[in-house]
Amino acid sequence: MIINGVSVSPGSNTRVKANIARLASGTLIDLPVYVFRSKRPGPVVLLSGGLHGDEINGIEIVRRMIEDSLLEKLNRGTVVAVPVMNIYGFLNFSREVPDGKDINRSFPGNAGGSLASRVANFMSKQVLPAVDFGVDFHTGGASRFNFPQVRYAASDQNAAEIARAFGAPLLLESPFIEKSLRKQAFKGGASIIVYEGGESLRIDEEVIREGLNGAMRLLHHHKMIDYAPPSAAKAVACKGSTWLRAKRSGIYKGLIKSGMAVNKGDVIGRITDPFGEFSVKIKSTTTGFVLGHNNMPVVNQGDALLHIGTSTG
């Protein structure tokens, strides 16, 4: 296996540093890629975090797997671990890179393009061609909390199997997004699932533990490691989802949180003005399972309040 000109032989563990660009200060920005190889052949698995630099939970999941030496003695196959894909966003507490572009909307990228395009190009050219399947770890953005869940494209049967092996509490069918890491991997024959959990710029131990255990279950399913914690319960499966949005601007006081079931007509919260002149009930327009909720108390008309999945089992 060769990544960025570095050869990684079977039975060895290597950190590859790829220089992506240079900051205005002159500081070089390197993208570390950790490669763990067994002496025995097997699948090549990508574990990546920080594609959006403010999504700390995913970074912490991959970091712990490296720190706790969970990947150093694989029974078979290879793990490619990228804890922080978006170094720029991580340094700036931002989802995007400094020029405002989203790496996960920039694939396959261009070596001479924008900052986001250069990161996407490195992943497309140097990492994804070697990968068979993987997990890209994310969190909710813009003060939205996501219940621990795995998302996969229904058109990718391998991804459906990977999602079930991961064993998250919730499985959500989610179509490919154009120019995303997941879509680019699929074009090259690799299946990537997305783990979503928690909120950006927030550490959530339960979310981290669920993601860590899921990654171990996936590796155990493919006989790459000897042990993984069992799933706590049968997963809730959702084929689709919808957002409930604010009917008016004001102060939102939610009554429903992620992980709860909701029925059509249930009151999910109220929106009031700051002066006590009105109070409006917000009711659910559908029955399902709450995938995520808004933590921002001040909302504008049309803002997302609850993300509800349609349950199929």
C-alpha atoms as a PDB file:
ATOM      1  CA  MET A   1       0.000   0.000   0.000  1.00  0.00           C
ATOM      2  CA  ILE A   2       1.355   3.437  -0.977  1.00  0.00           C
ATOM      3  CA  ILE A   3      -0.127   6.688   0.391  1.00  0.00           C
ATOM      4  CA  ASN A   4       1.406  10.018  -0.601  1.00  0.00           C
ATOM      5  CA  GLY A   5       4.563   8.248  -1.740  1.00  0.00           C
ATOM      6  CA  VAL A   6       5.007   6.339   1.524  1.00  0.00           C
ATOM      7  CA  SER A   7       4.993   2.547   1.269  1.00  0.00           C
ATOM      8  CA  VAL A   8       3.281   0.733   4.160  1.00  0.00           C
ATOM      9  CA  SER A   9       4.147  -2.954   4.237  1.00  0.00           C
ATOM     10  CA  PRO A  10       1.997  -5.731   5.808  1.00  0.00           C
ATOM     11  CA  GLY A  11       2.465  -6.018   9.568  1.00  0.00           C
ATOM     12  CA  SER A  12       3.556  -2.381  10.015  1.00  0.00           C
ATOM     13  CA  ASN A  13       1.919   0.747  11.464  1.00  0.00           C
ATOM     14  CA  THR A  14       2.807   4.099   9.925  1.00  0.00           C
ATOM     15  CA  ARG A  15       1.848   7.752  10.168  1.00  0.00           C
ATOM     16  CA  VAL A  16       1.843   9.511   6.807  1.00  0.00           C
ATOM     17  CA  LYS A  17       1.999  13.321   6.773  1.00  0.00           C
ATOM     18  CA  ALA A  18       0.620  15.067   3.718  1.00  0.00           C
ATOM     19  CA  ASN A  19       1.244  18.772   3.256  1.00  0.00           C
ATOM     20  CA  ILE A  20      -1.934  20.354   1.938  1.00  0.00           C
ATOM     21  CA  ALA A  21      -1.083  24.068   1.953  1.00  0.00           C
ATOM     22  CA  ARG A  22       0.455  26.882   3.950  1.00  0.00           C
ATOM     23  CA  LEU A  23      -1.301  29.416   6.196  1.00  0.00           C
ATOM     24  CA  ALA A  24      -0.895  33.162   5.638  1.00  0.00           C
ATOM     25  CA  SER A  25       1.530  33.140   8.572  1.00  0.00           C
ATOM     26  CA  GLY A  26       3.766  30.736   6.676  1.00  0.00           C
ATOM     27  CA  THR A  27       2.833  27.789   8.874  1.00  0.00           C
ATOM     28  CA  LEU A  28       2.631  24.509   6.991  1.00  0.00           C
ATOM     29  CA  ILE A  29      -0.559  22.513   7.454  1.00  0.00           C
ATOM     30  CA  ASP A  30      -0.061  18.749   7.375  1.00  0.00           C
ATOM     31  CA  LEU A  31      -2.837  16.174   7.214  1.00  0.00           C
ATOM     32  CA  PRO A  32      -1.850  13.112   9.318  1.00  0.00           C
ATOM     33  CA  VAL A  33      -3.014   9.714   8.050  1.00  0.00           C
ATOM     34  CA  TYR A  34      -2.477   6.677  10.302  1.00  0.00           C
ATOM     35  CA  VAL A  35      -2.180   3.282   8.633  1.00  0.00           C
ATOM     36  CA  PHE A  36      -2.427   0.013  10.588  1.00  0.00           C
ATOM     37  CA  ARG A  37      -1.721  -3.174   8.611  1.00  0.00           C
ATOM     38  CA  SER A  38      -1.981  -6.799   9.624  1.00  0.00           C
ATOM     39  CA  LYS A  39       0.352  -9.368   8.150  1.00  0.00           C
ATOM     40  CA  ARG A  40      -2.723 -11.213   6.905  1.00  0.00           C
ATOM     41  CA  PRO A  41      -4.711  -9.869   3.937  1.00  0.00           C
ATOM     42  CA  GLY A  42      -8.206  -8.544   4.453  1.00  0.00           C
ATOM     43  CA  PRO A  43     -10.402  -5.501   3.877  1.00  0.00           C
ATOM     44  CA  VAL A  44      -9.103  -1.941   3.981  1.00  0.00           C
ATOM     45  CA  VAL A  45     -11.274   0.165   6.285  1.00  0.00           C
ATOM     46  CA  LEU A  46     -11.350   3.965   6.481  1.00  0.00           C
ATOM     47  CA  LEU A  47     -12.185   5.638   9.821  1.00  0.00           C
ATOM     48  CA  SER A  48     -12.347   9.399   9.343  1.00  0.00           C
ATOM     49  CA  GLY A  49     -13.366  12.368  11.477  1.00  0.00           C
ATOM     50  CA  GLY A  50     -13.296  16.135  11.322  1.00  0.00           C
ATOM     51  CA  LEU A  51     -14.400  16.514   7.707  1.00  0.00           C
ATOM     52  CA  HIS A  52     -16.232  19.451   9.231  1.00  0.00           C
ATOM     53  CA  GLY A  53     -13.684  20.965  11.584  1.00  0.00           C
ATOM     54  CA  ASP A  54     -16.110  21.855  14.393  1.00  0.00           C
ATOM     55  CA  GLU A  55     -17.471  18.305  14.740  1.00  0.00           C
ATOM     56  CA  ILE A  56     -15.375  17.266  17.713  1.00  0.00           C
ATOM     57  CA  ASN A  57     -17.079  14.004  18.699  1.00  0.00           C
ATOM     58  CA  GLY A  58     -15.996  12.265  15.505  1.00  0.00           C
ATOM     59  CA  ILE A  59     -12.428  13.477  15.937  1.00  0.00           C
ATOM     60  CA  GLU A  60     -12.419  12.117  19.484  1.00  0.00           C
ATOM     61  CA  ILE A  61     -13.742   8.701  18.394  1.00  0.00           C
ATOM     62  CA  VAL A  62     -10.907   8.159  15.904  1.00  0.00           C
ATOM     63  CA  ARG A  63      -8.334   9.652  18.297  1.00  0.00           C
ATOM     64  CA  ARG A  64      -9.296   7.225  21.064  1.00  0.00           C
ATOM     65  CA  MET A  65      -9.026   4.241  18.772  1.00  0.00           C
ATOM     66  CA  ILE A  66      -5.466   5.311  18.007  1.00  0.00           C
ATOM     67  CA  GLU A  67      -4.535   6.249  21.590  1.00  0.00           C
ATOM     68  CA  ASP A  68      -6.008   3.069  23.093  1.00  0.00           C
ATOM     69  CA  SER A  69      -4.031   0.916  20.614  1.00  0.00           C
ATOM     70  CA  LEU A  70      -7.236  -0.707  19.356  1.00  0.00           C
ATOM     71  CA  LEU A  71      -5.880  -0.868  15.816  1.00  0.00           C
ATOM     72  CA  GLU A  72      -2.284  -1.922  16.366  1.00  0.00           C
ATOM     73  CA  LYS A  73      -2.770  -5.701  16.371  1.00  0.00           C
ATOM     74  CA  LEU A  74      -5.315  -6.469  13.678  1.00  0.00           C
ATOM     75  CA  ASN A  75      -6.077 -10.112  12.907  1.00  0.00           C
ATOM     76  CA  ARG A  76      -6.391  -9.305   9.210  1.00  0.00           C
ATOM     77  CA  GLY A  77      -6.727  -6.387   6.842  1.00  0.00           C
ATOM     78  CA  THR A  78      -5.872  -2.715   7.173  1.00  0.00           C
ATOM     79  CA  VAL A  79      -7.314   0.343   8.901  1.00  0.00           C
ATOM     80  CA  VAL A  80      -6.654   3.834   7.561  1.00  0.00           C
ATOM     81  CA  ALA A  81      -7.471   6.368  10.295  1.00  0.00           C
ATOM     82  CA  VAL A  82      -7.793  10.123   9.651  1.00  0.00           C
ATOM     83  CA  PRO A  83      -8.774  11.858  12.913  1.00  0.00           C
ATOM     84  CA  VAL A  84      -8.985  15.420  11.511  1.00  0.00           C
ATOM     85  CA  MET A  85      -9.588  15.772   7.797  1.00  0.00           C
ATOM     86  CA  ASN A  86     -10.302  19.516   7.950  1.00  0.00           C
ATOM     87  CA  ILE A  87      -7.311  20.930   9.842  1.00  0.00           C
ATOM     88  CA  TYR A  88      -8.261  24.491   8.839  1.00  0.00           C
ATOM     89  CA  GLY A  89     -11.788  24.247  10.250  1.00  0.00           C
ATOM     90  CA  PHE A  90     -10.520  22.570  13.407  1.00  0.00           C
ATOM     91  CA  LEU A  91      -8.145  25.469  14.101  1.00  0.00           C
ATOM     92  CA  ASN A  92     -10.879  28.035  13.437  1.00  0.00           C
ATOM     93  CA  PHE A  93     -13.796  26.267  15.215  1.00  0.00           C
ATOM     94  CA  SER A  94     -15.520  26.139  11.854  1.00  0.00           C
ATOM     95  CA  ARG A  95     -17.397  23.675   9.659  1.00  0.00           C
ATOM     96  CA  GLU A  96     -15.703  25.065   6.551  1.00  0.00           C
ATOM     97  CA  VAL A  97     -12.159  25.990   5.554  1.00  0.00           C
ATOM     98  CA  PRO A  98     -11.140  29.697   5.738  1.00  0.00           C
ATOM     99  CA  ASP A  99     -12.374  30.480   2.212  1.00  0.00           C
ATOM    100  CA  GLY A 100     -15.886  29.412   3.223  1.00  0.00           C
ATOM    101  CA  LYS A 101     -16.075  26.209   1.205  1.00  0.00           C
ATOM    102  CA  ASP A 102     -17.260  22.854   2.511  1.00  0.00           C
ATOM    103  CA  ILE A 103     -14.835  19.977   1.881  1.00  0.00           C
ATOM    104  CA  ASN A 104     -17.776  17.558   1.827  1.00  0.00           C
ATOM    105  CA  ARG A 105     -19.184  19.393  -1.198  1.00  0.00           C
ATOM    106  CA  SER A 106     -15.829  19.593  -3.009  1.00  0.00           C
ATOM    107  CA  PHE A 107     -15.030  16.029  -4.152  1.00  0.00           C
ATOM    108  CA  PRO A 108     -13.220  14.820  -6.211  1.00  0.00           C
ATOM    109  CA  GLY A 109     -11.288  18.050  -5.767  1.00  0.00           C
ATOM    110  CA  ASN A 110      -8.369  19.638  -7.567  1.00  0.00           C
ATOM    111  CA  ALA A 111      -4.711  19.764  -6.555  1.00  0.00           C
ATOM    112  CA  GLY A 112      -4.515  23.383  -7.703  1.00  0.00           C
ATOM    113  CA  GLY A 113      -7.950  24.465  -6.506  1.00  0.00           C
ATOM    114  CA  SER A 114      -9.356  25.999  -3.340  1.00  0.00           C
ATOM    115  CA  LEU A 115      -8.304  24.821   0.119  1.00  0.00           C
ATOM    116  CA  ALA A 116     -11.358  22.567   0.337  1.00  0.00           C
ATOM    117  CA  SER A 117     -10.712  21.215  -3.148  1.00  0.00           C
ATOM    118  CA  ARG A 118      -7.093  20.380  -2.281  1.00  0.00           C
ATOM    119  CA  VAL A 119      -8.091  18.319   0.756  1.00  0.00           C
ATOM    120  CA  ALA A 120     -10.759  16.541  -1.301  1.00  0.00           C
ATOM    121  CA  ASN A 121      -8.229  15.880  -4.048  1.00  0.00           C
ATOM    122  CA  PHE A 122      -5.758  14.321  -1.606  1.00  0.00           C
ATOM    123  CA  MET A 123      -8.429  11.998  -0.218  1.00  0.00           C
ATOM    124  CA  SER A 124      -9.707  11.134  -3.712  1.00  0.00           C
ATOM    125  CA  LYS A 125      -6.267  10.383  -5.163  1.00  0.00           C
ATOM    126  CA  GLN A 126      -4.265   9.035  -2.232  1.00  0.00           C
ATOM    127  CA  VAL A 127      -6.677   7.384   0.213  1.00  0.00           C
ATOM    128  CA  LEU A 128     -10.032   6.370  -1.273  1.00  0.00           C
ATOM    129  CA  PRO A 129      -8.613   4.171  -4.076  1.00  0.00           C
ATOM    130  CA  ALA A 130      -7.186   1.818  -1.426  1.00  0.00           C
ATOM    131  CA  VAL A 131     -10.374   1.626   0.670  1.00  0.00           C
ATOM    132  CA  ASP A 132     -13.024  -1.116   0.590  1.00  0.00           C
ATOM    133  CA  PHE A 133     -15.442   0.449   3.071  1.00  0.00           C
ATOM    134  CA  GLY A 134     -15.472   2.797   6.020  1.00  0.00           C
ATOM    135  CA  VAL A 135     -17.142   5.125   8.476  1.00  0.00           C
ATOM    136  CA  ASP A 136     -17.114   8.921   8.302  1.00  0.00           C
ATOM    137  CA  PHE A 137     -17.899  10.380  11.754  1.00  0.00           C
ATOM    138  CA  HIS A 138     -20.038  13.540  12.021  1.00  0.00           C
ATOM    139  CA  THR A 139     -22.170  15.537  14.464  1.00  0.00           C
ATOM    140  CA  GLY A 140     -25.117  17.868  14.137  1.00  0.00           C
ATOM    141  CA  GLY A 141     -24.325  21.427  13.062  1.00  0.00           C
ATOM    142  CA  ALA A 142     -25.609  24.906  13.914  1.00  0.00           C
ATOM    143  CA  SER A 143     -26.665  24.096  17.505  1.00  0.00           C
ATOM    144  CA  ARG A 144     -28.516  20.940  16.436  1.00  0.00           C
ATOM    145  CA  PHE A 145     -28.036  17.719  18.384  1.00  0.00           C
ATOM    146  CA  ASN A 146     -28.198  14.376  16.561  1.00  0.00           C
ATOM    147  CA  PHE A 147     -29.203  11.175  18.287  1.00  0.00           C
ATOM    148  CA  PRO A 148     -26.522   8.497  17.618  1.00  0.00           C
ATOM    149  CA  GLN A 149     -27.326   7.154  14.162  1.00  0.00           C
ATOM    150  CA  VAL A 150     -25.844   5.668  11.012  1.00  0.00           C
ATOM    151  CA  ARG A 151     -26.801   6.902   7.566  1.00  0.00           C
ATOM    152  CA  TYR A 152     -26.376   4.952   4.349  1.00  0.00           C
ATOM    153  CA  ALA A 153     -27.597   5.091   0.772  1.00  0.00           C
ATOM    154  CA  ALA A 154     -30.333   2.572  -0.024  1.00  0.00           C
ATOM    155  CA  SER A 155     -28.797   2.063  -3.479  1.00  0.00           C
ATOM    156  CA  ASP A 156     -25.590   0.752  -1.877  1.00  0.00           C
ATOM    157  CA  GLN A 157     -26.295  -2.771  -0.603  1.00  0.00           C
ATOM    158  CA  ASN A 158     -22.818  -3.127   0.875  1.00  0.00           C
ATOM    159  CA  ALA A 159     -23.373   0.044   2.900  1.00  0.00           C
ATOM    160  CA  ALA A 160     -26.611  -1.397   4.287  1.00  0.00           C
ATOM    161  CA  GLU A 161     -24.701  -4.440   5.565  1.00  0.00           C
ATOM    162  CA  ILE A 162     -21.986  -2.222   7.041  1.00  0.00           C
ATOM    163  CA  ALA A 163     -24.607  -0.086   8.779  1.00  0.00           C
ATOM    164  CA  ARG A 164     -26.220  -3.131  10.382  1.00  0.00           C
ATOM    165  CA  ALA A 165     -22.831  -4.453  11.527  1.00  0.00           C
ATOM    166  CA  PHE A 166     -22.035  -1.067  13.110  1.00  0.00           C
ATOM    167  CA  GLY A 167     -25.053  -1.543  15.376  1.00  0.00           C
ATOM    168  CA  ALA A 168     -26.038   2.068  16.115  1.00  0.00           C
ATOM    169  CA  PRO A 169     -29.390   2.689  17.846  1.00  0.00           C
ATOM    170  CA  LEU A 170     -30.797   4.193  14.651  1.00  0.00           C
ATOM    171  CA  LEU A 171     -30.416   3.373  10.942  1.00  0.00           C
ATOM    172  CA  LEU A 172     -31.448   6.011   8.414  1.00  0.00           C
ATOM    173  CA  GLU A 173     -31.601   5.603   4.653  1.00  0.00           C
ATOM    174  CA  SER A 174     -30.037   8.777   3.277  1.00  0.00           C
ATOM    175  CA  PRO A 175     -29.346   9.379  -0.434  1.00  0.00           C
ATOM    176  CA  PHE A 176     -25.907  10.358  -1.698  1.00  0.00           C
ATOM    177  CA  ILE A 177     -25.017  14.052  -1.646  1.00  0.00           C
ATOM    178  CA  GLU A 178     -23.303  15.269  -4.789  1.00  0.00           C
ATOM    179  CA  LYS A 179     -19.570  15.967  -4.454  1.00  0.00           C
ATOM    180  CA  SER A 180     -19.455  14.347  -1.012  1.00  0.00           C
ATOM    181  CA  LEU A 181     -16.844  11.953   0.348  1.00  0.00           C
ATOM    182  CA  ARG A 182     -19.448   9.188   0.457  1.00  0.00           C
ATOM    183  CA  LYS A 183     -20.481   9.686  -3.177  1.00  0.00           C
ATOM    184  CA  GLN A 184     -16.876   9.863  -4.362  1.00  0.00           C
ATOM    185  CA  ALA A 185     -16.014   6.630  -2.528  1.00  0.00           C
ATOM    186  CA  PHE A 186     -19.025   4.880  -4.063  1.00  0.00           C
ATOM    187  CA  LYS A 187     -17.939   5.908  -7.558  1.00  0.00           C
ATOM    188  CA  GLY A 188     -14.663   4.124  -6.910  1.00  0.00           C
ATOM    189  CA  GLY A 189     -16.318   0.972  -5.572  1.00  0.00           C
ATOM    190  CA  ALA A 190     -16.036   1.669  -1.810  1.00  0.00           C
ATOM    191  CA  SER A 191     -18.969   1.856   0.597  1.00  0.00           C
ATOM    192  CA  ILE A 192     -18.913   4.575   3.255  1.00  0.00           C
ATOM    193  CA  ILE A 193     -21.507   5.005   5.987  1.00  0.00           C
ATOM    194  CA  VAL A 194     -21.912   8.183   8.040  1.00  0.00           C
ATOM    195  CA  TYR A 195     -22.150   8.119  11.837  1.00  0.00           C
ATOM    196  CA  GLU A 196     -23.947  11.159  13.238  1.00  0.00           C
ATOM    197  CA  GLY A 197     -24.016  11.934  16.944  1.00  0.00           C
ATOM    198  CA  GLY A 198     -24.104  14.946  19.236  1.00  0.00           C
ATOM    199  CA  GLU A 199     -23.594  18.613  18.450  1.00  0.00           C
ATOM    200  CA  SER A 200     -20.738  20.583  16.914  1.00  0.00           C
ATOM    201  CA  LEU A 201     -18.179  22.116  19.303  1.00  0.00           C
ATOM    202  CA  ARG A 202     -19.465  19.895  22.130  1.00  0.00           C
ATOM    203  CA  ILE A 203     -17.970  16.737  23.625  1.00  0.00           C
ATOM    204  CA  ASP A 204     -20.611  14.113  24.438  1.00  0.00           C
ATOM    205  CA  GLU A 205     -19.279  11.003  26.151  1.00  0.00           C
ATOM    206  CA  GLU A 206     -22.310   8.829  25.387  1.00  0.00           C
ATOM    207  CA  VAL A 207     -22.168   9.723  21.706  1.00  0.00           C
ATOM    208  CA  ILE A 208     -18.419   9.058  21.592  1.00  0.00           C
ATOM    209  CA  ARG A 209     -18.783   5.706  23.312  1.00  0.00           C
ATOM    210  CA  GLU A 210     -21.563   4.653  20.920  1.00  0.00           C
ATOM    211  CA  GLY A 211     -19.448   5.564  17.898  1.00  0.00           C
ATOM    212  CA  LEU A 212     -16.368   3.854  19.295  1.00  0.00           C
ATOM    213  CA  ASN A 213     -18.279   0.660  20.064  1.00  0.00           C
ATOM    214  CA  GLY A 214     -19.882   0.714  16.621  1.00  0.00           C
ATOM    215  CA  ALA A 215     -16.514   0.951  14.893  1.00  0.00           C
ATOM    216  CA  MET A 216     -15.267  -1.986  16.954  1.00  0.00           C
ATOM    217  CA  ARG A 217     -18.368  -4.018  16.085  1.00  0.00           C
ATOM    218  CA  LEU A 218     -17.760  -3.337  12.401  1.00  0.00           C
ATOM    219  CA  LEU A 219     -14.150  -4.505  12.618  1.00  0.00           C
ATOM    220  CA  HIS A 220     -15.183  -7.543  14.660  1.00  0.00           C
ATOM    221  CA  HIS A 221     -17.866  -8.406  12.098  1.00  0.00           C
ATOM    222  CA  HIS A 222     -15.102  -8.651   9.488  1.00  0.00           C
ATOM    223  CA  LYS A 223     -12.872 -10.688  11.836  1.00  0.00           C
ATOM    224  CA  MET A 224     -10.290  -7.923  12.074  1.00  0.00           C
ATOM    225  CA  ILE A 225     -10.340  -7.751  15.897  1.00  0.00           C
ATOM    226  CA  ASP A 226     -11.220 -10.348  18.553  1.00  0.00           C
ATOM    227  CA  TYR A 227     -13.839  -8.492  20.615  1.00  0.00           C
ATOM    228  CA  ALA A 228     -16.456  -5.751  20.383  1.00  0.00           C
ATOM    229  CA  PRO A 229     -19.224  -4.695  22.800  1.00  0.00           C
ATOM    230  CA  PRO A 230     -22.662  -5.940  21.750  1.00  0.00           C
ATOM    231  CA  SER A 231     -25.380  -3.540  20.659  1.00  0.00           C
ATOM    232  CA  ALA A 232     -27.610  -2.357  23.480  1.00  0.00           C
ATOM    233  CA  ALA A 233     -30.893  -2.932  21.639  1.00  0.00           C
ATOM    234  CA  LYS A 234     -32.403  -3.586  18.248  1.00  0.00           C
ATOM    235  CA  ALA A 235     -31.920  -0.600  15.960  1.00  0.00           C
ATOM    236  CA  VAL A 236     -34.801   1.593  14.857  1.00  0.00           C
ATOM    237  CA  ALA A 237     -34.828   1.695  11.045  1.00  0.00           C
ATOM    238  CA  CYS A 238     -36.041   4.770   9.156  1.00  0.00           C
ATOM    239  CA  LYS A 239     -36.556   5.037   5.415  1.00  0.00           C
ATOM    240  CA  GLY A 240     -37.110   8.783   5.340  1.00  0.00           C
ATOM    241  CA  SER A 241     -37.178  11.901   7.466  1.00  0.00           C
ATOM    242  CA  THR A 242     -38.646  15.378   7.673  1.00  0.00           C
ATOM    243  CA  TRP A 243     -37.900  18.589   9.532  1.00  0.00           C
ATOM    244  CA  LEU A 244     -40.451  20.389  11.694  1.00  0.00           C
ATOM    245  CA  ARG A 245     -39.846  24.122  11.360  1.00  0.00           C
ATOM    246  CA  ALA A 246     -40.715  27.236  13.331  1.00  0.00           C
ATOM    247  CA  LYS A 247     -43.976  28.868  12.293  1.00  0.00           C
ATOM    248  CA  ARG A 248     -42.990  32.157  13.907  1.00  0.00           C
ATOM    249  CA  SER A 249     -39.864  33.885  15.113  1.00  0.00           C
ATOM    250  CA  GLY A 250     -39.258  34.082  18.856  1.00  0.00           C
ATOM    251  CA  ILE A 251     -37.982  32.090  21.817  1.00  0.00           C
ATOM    252  CA  TYR A 252     -38.343  28.329  21.344  1.00  0.00           C
ATOM    253  CA  LYS A 253     -38.944  26.102  24.357  1.00  0.00           C
ATOM    254  CA  GLY A 254     -38.828  22.475  23.248  1.00  0.00           C
ATOM    255  CA  LEU A 255     -40.585  19.622  25.023  1.00  0.00           C
ATOM    256  CA  ILE A 256     -39.243  16.780  22.868  1.00  0.00           C
ATOM    257  CA  LYS A 257     -35.633  15.601  22.627  1.00  0.00           C
ATOM    258  CA  SER A 258     -33.693  13.311  20.313  1.00  0.00           C
ATOM    259  CA  GLY A 259     -34.307   9.611  20.817  1.00  0.00           C
ATOM    260  CA  MET A 260     -37.980  10.047  21.716  1.00  0.00           C
ATOM    261  CA  ALA A 261     -40.978   8.811  19.758  1.00  0.00           C
ATOM    262  CA  VAL A 262     -43.487  11.409  18.613  1.00  0.00           C
ATOM    263  CA  ASN A 263     -47.017  11.137  17.228  1.00  0.00           C
ATOM    264  CA  LYS A 264     -48.756  13.364  14.741  1.00  0.00           C
ATOM    265  CA  GLY A 265     -50.490  16.146  16.647  1.00  0.00           C
ATOM    266  CA  ASP A 266     -48.204  15.995  19.703  1.00  0.00           C
ATOM    267  CA  VAL A 267     -47.136  19.362  21.089  1.00  0.00           C
ATOM    268  CA  ILE A 268     -43.371  19.460  20.678  1.00  0.00           C
ATOM    269  CA  GLY A 269     -42.844  22.903  22.199  1.00  0.00           C
ATOM    270  CA  ARG A 270     -43.826  26.567  22.219  1.00  0.00           C
ATOM    271  CA  ILE A 271     -42.577  29.737  20.606  1.00  0.00           C
ATOM    272  CA  THR A 272     -43.043  32.979  22.547  1.00  0.00           C
ATOM    273  CA  ASP A 273     -41.943  36.544  21.986  1.00  0.00           C
ATOM    274  CA  PRO A 274     -39.537  38.224  24.455  1.00  0.00           C
ATOM    275  CA  PHE A 275     -42.285  40.528  25.789  1.00  0.00           C
ATOM    276  CA  GLY A 276     -45.040  38.087  26.756  1.00  0.00           C
ATOM    277  CA  GLU A 277     -47.400  39.174  23.988  1.00  0.00           C
ATOM    278  CA  PHE A 278     -47.874  35.772  22.302  1.00  0.00           C
ATOM    279  CA  SER A 279     -47.304  32.074  22.842  1.00  0.00           C
ATOM    280  CA  VAL A 280     -47.729  29.589  19.991  1.00  0.00           C
ATOM    281  CA  LYS A 281     -47.912  25.801  20.326  1.00  0.00           C
ATOM    282  CA  ILE A 282     -45.863  23.818  17.819  1.00  0.00           C
ATOM    283  CA  LYS A 283     -47.377  20.445  16.911  1.00  0.00           C
ATOM    284  CA  SER A 284     -45.821  17.526  15.114  1.00  0.00           C
ATOM    285  CA  THR A 285     -47.060  17.015  11.579  1.00  0.00           C
ATOM    286  CA  THR A 286     -45.961  13.376  11.466  1.00  0.00           C
ATOM    287  CA  THR A 287     -45.436  10.227  13.536  1.00  0.00           C
ATOM    288  CA  GLY A 288     -41.959   8.864  13.956  1.00  0.00           C
ATOM    289  CA  PHE A 289     -38.680   8.884  15.855  1.00  0.00           C
ATOM    290  CA  VAL A 290     -36.787  12.053  16.737  1.00  0.00           C
ATOM    291  CA  LEU A 291     -33.399  11.944  14.987  1.00  0.00           C
ATOM    292  CA  GLY A 292     -32.235  15.368  16.092  1.00  0.00           C
ATOM    293  CA  HIS A 293     -33.343  18.541  17.825  1.00  0.00           C
ATOM    294  CA  ASN A 294     -32.506  22.234  17.876  1.00  0.00           C
ATOM    295  CA  ASN A 295     -30.730  23.616  20.958  1.00  0.00           C
ATOM    296  CA  MET A 296     -30.853  27.263  19.875  1.00  0.00           C
ATOM    297  CA  PRO A 297     -33.483  29.075  21.993  1.00  0.00           C
ATOM    298  CA  VAL A 298     -33.916  32.054  19.655  1.00  0.00           C
ATOM    299  CA  VAL A 299     -35.371  31.012  16.295  1.00  0.00           C
ATOM    300  CA  ASN A 300     -36.558  32.682  13.126  1.00  0.00           C
ATOM    301  CA  GLN A 301     -39.565  31.656  11.104  1.00  0.00           C
ATOM    302  CA  GLY A 302     -38.643  28.558   9.085  1.00  0.00           C
ATOM    303  CA  ASP A 303     -35.766  27.453  11.325  1.00  0.00           C
ATOM    304  CA  ALA A 304     -35.428  23.710  11.920  1.00  0.00           C
ATOM    305  CA  LEU A 305     -36.737  22.527  15.302  1.00  0.00           C
ATOM    306  CA  LEU A 306     -36.987  18.721  15.136  1.00  0.00           C
ATOM    307  CA  HIS A 307     -35.719  16.132  12.660  1.00  0.00           C
ATOM    308  CA  ILE A 308     -38.163  13.210  12.596  1.00  0.00           C
ATOM    309  CA  GLY A 309     -37.545   9.852  10.960  1.00  0.00           C
ATOM    310  CA  THR A 310     -40.265   7.578   9.626  1.00  0.00           C
ATOM    311  CA  SER A 311     -39.862   4.244  11.389  1.00  0.00           C
ATOM    312  CA  THR A 312     -40.063   0.929   9.513  1.00  0.00           C
ATOM    313  CA  GLY A 313     -39.111  -1.456  12.311  1.00  0.00           C
END
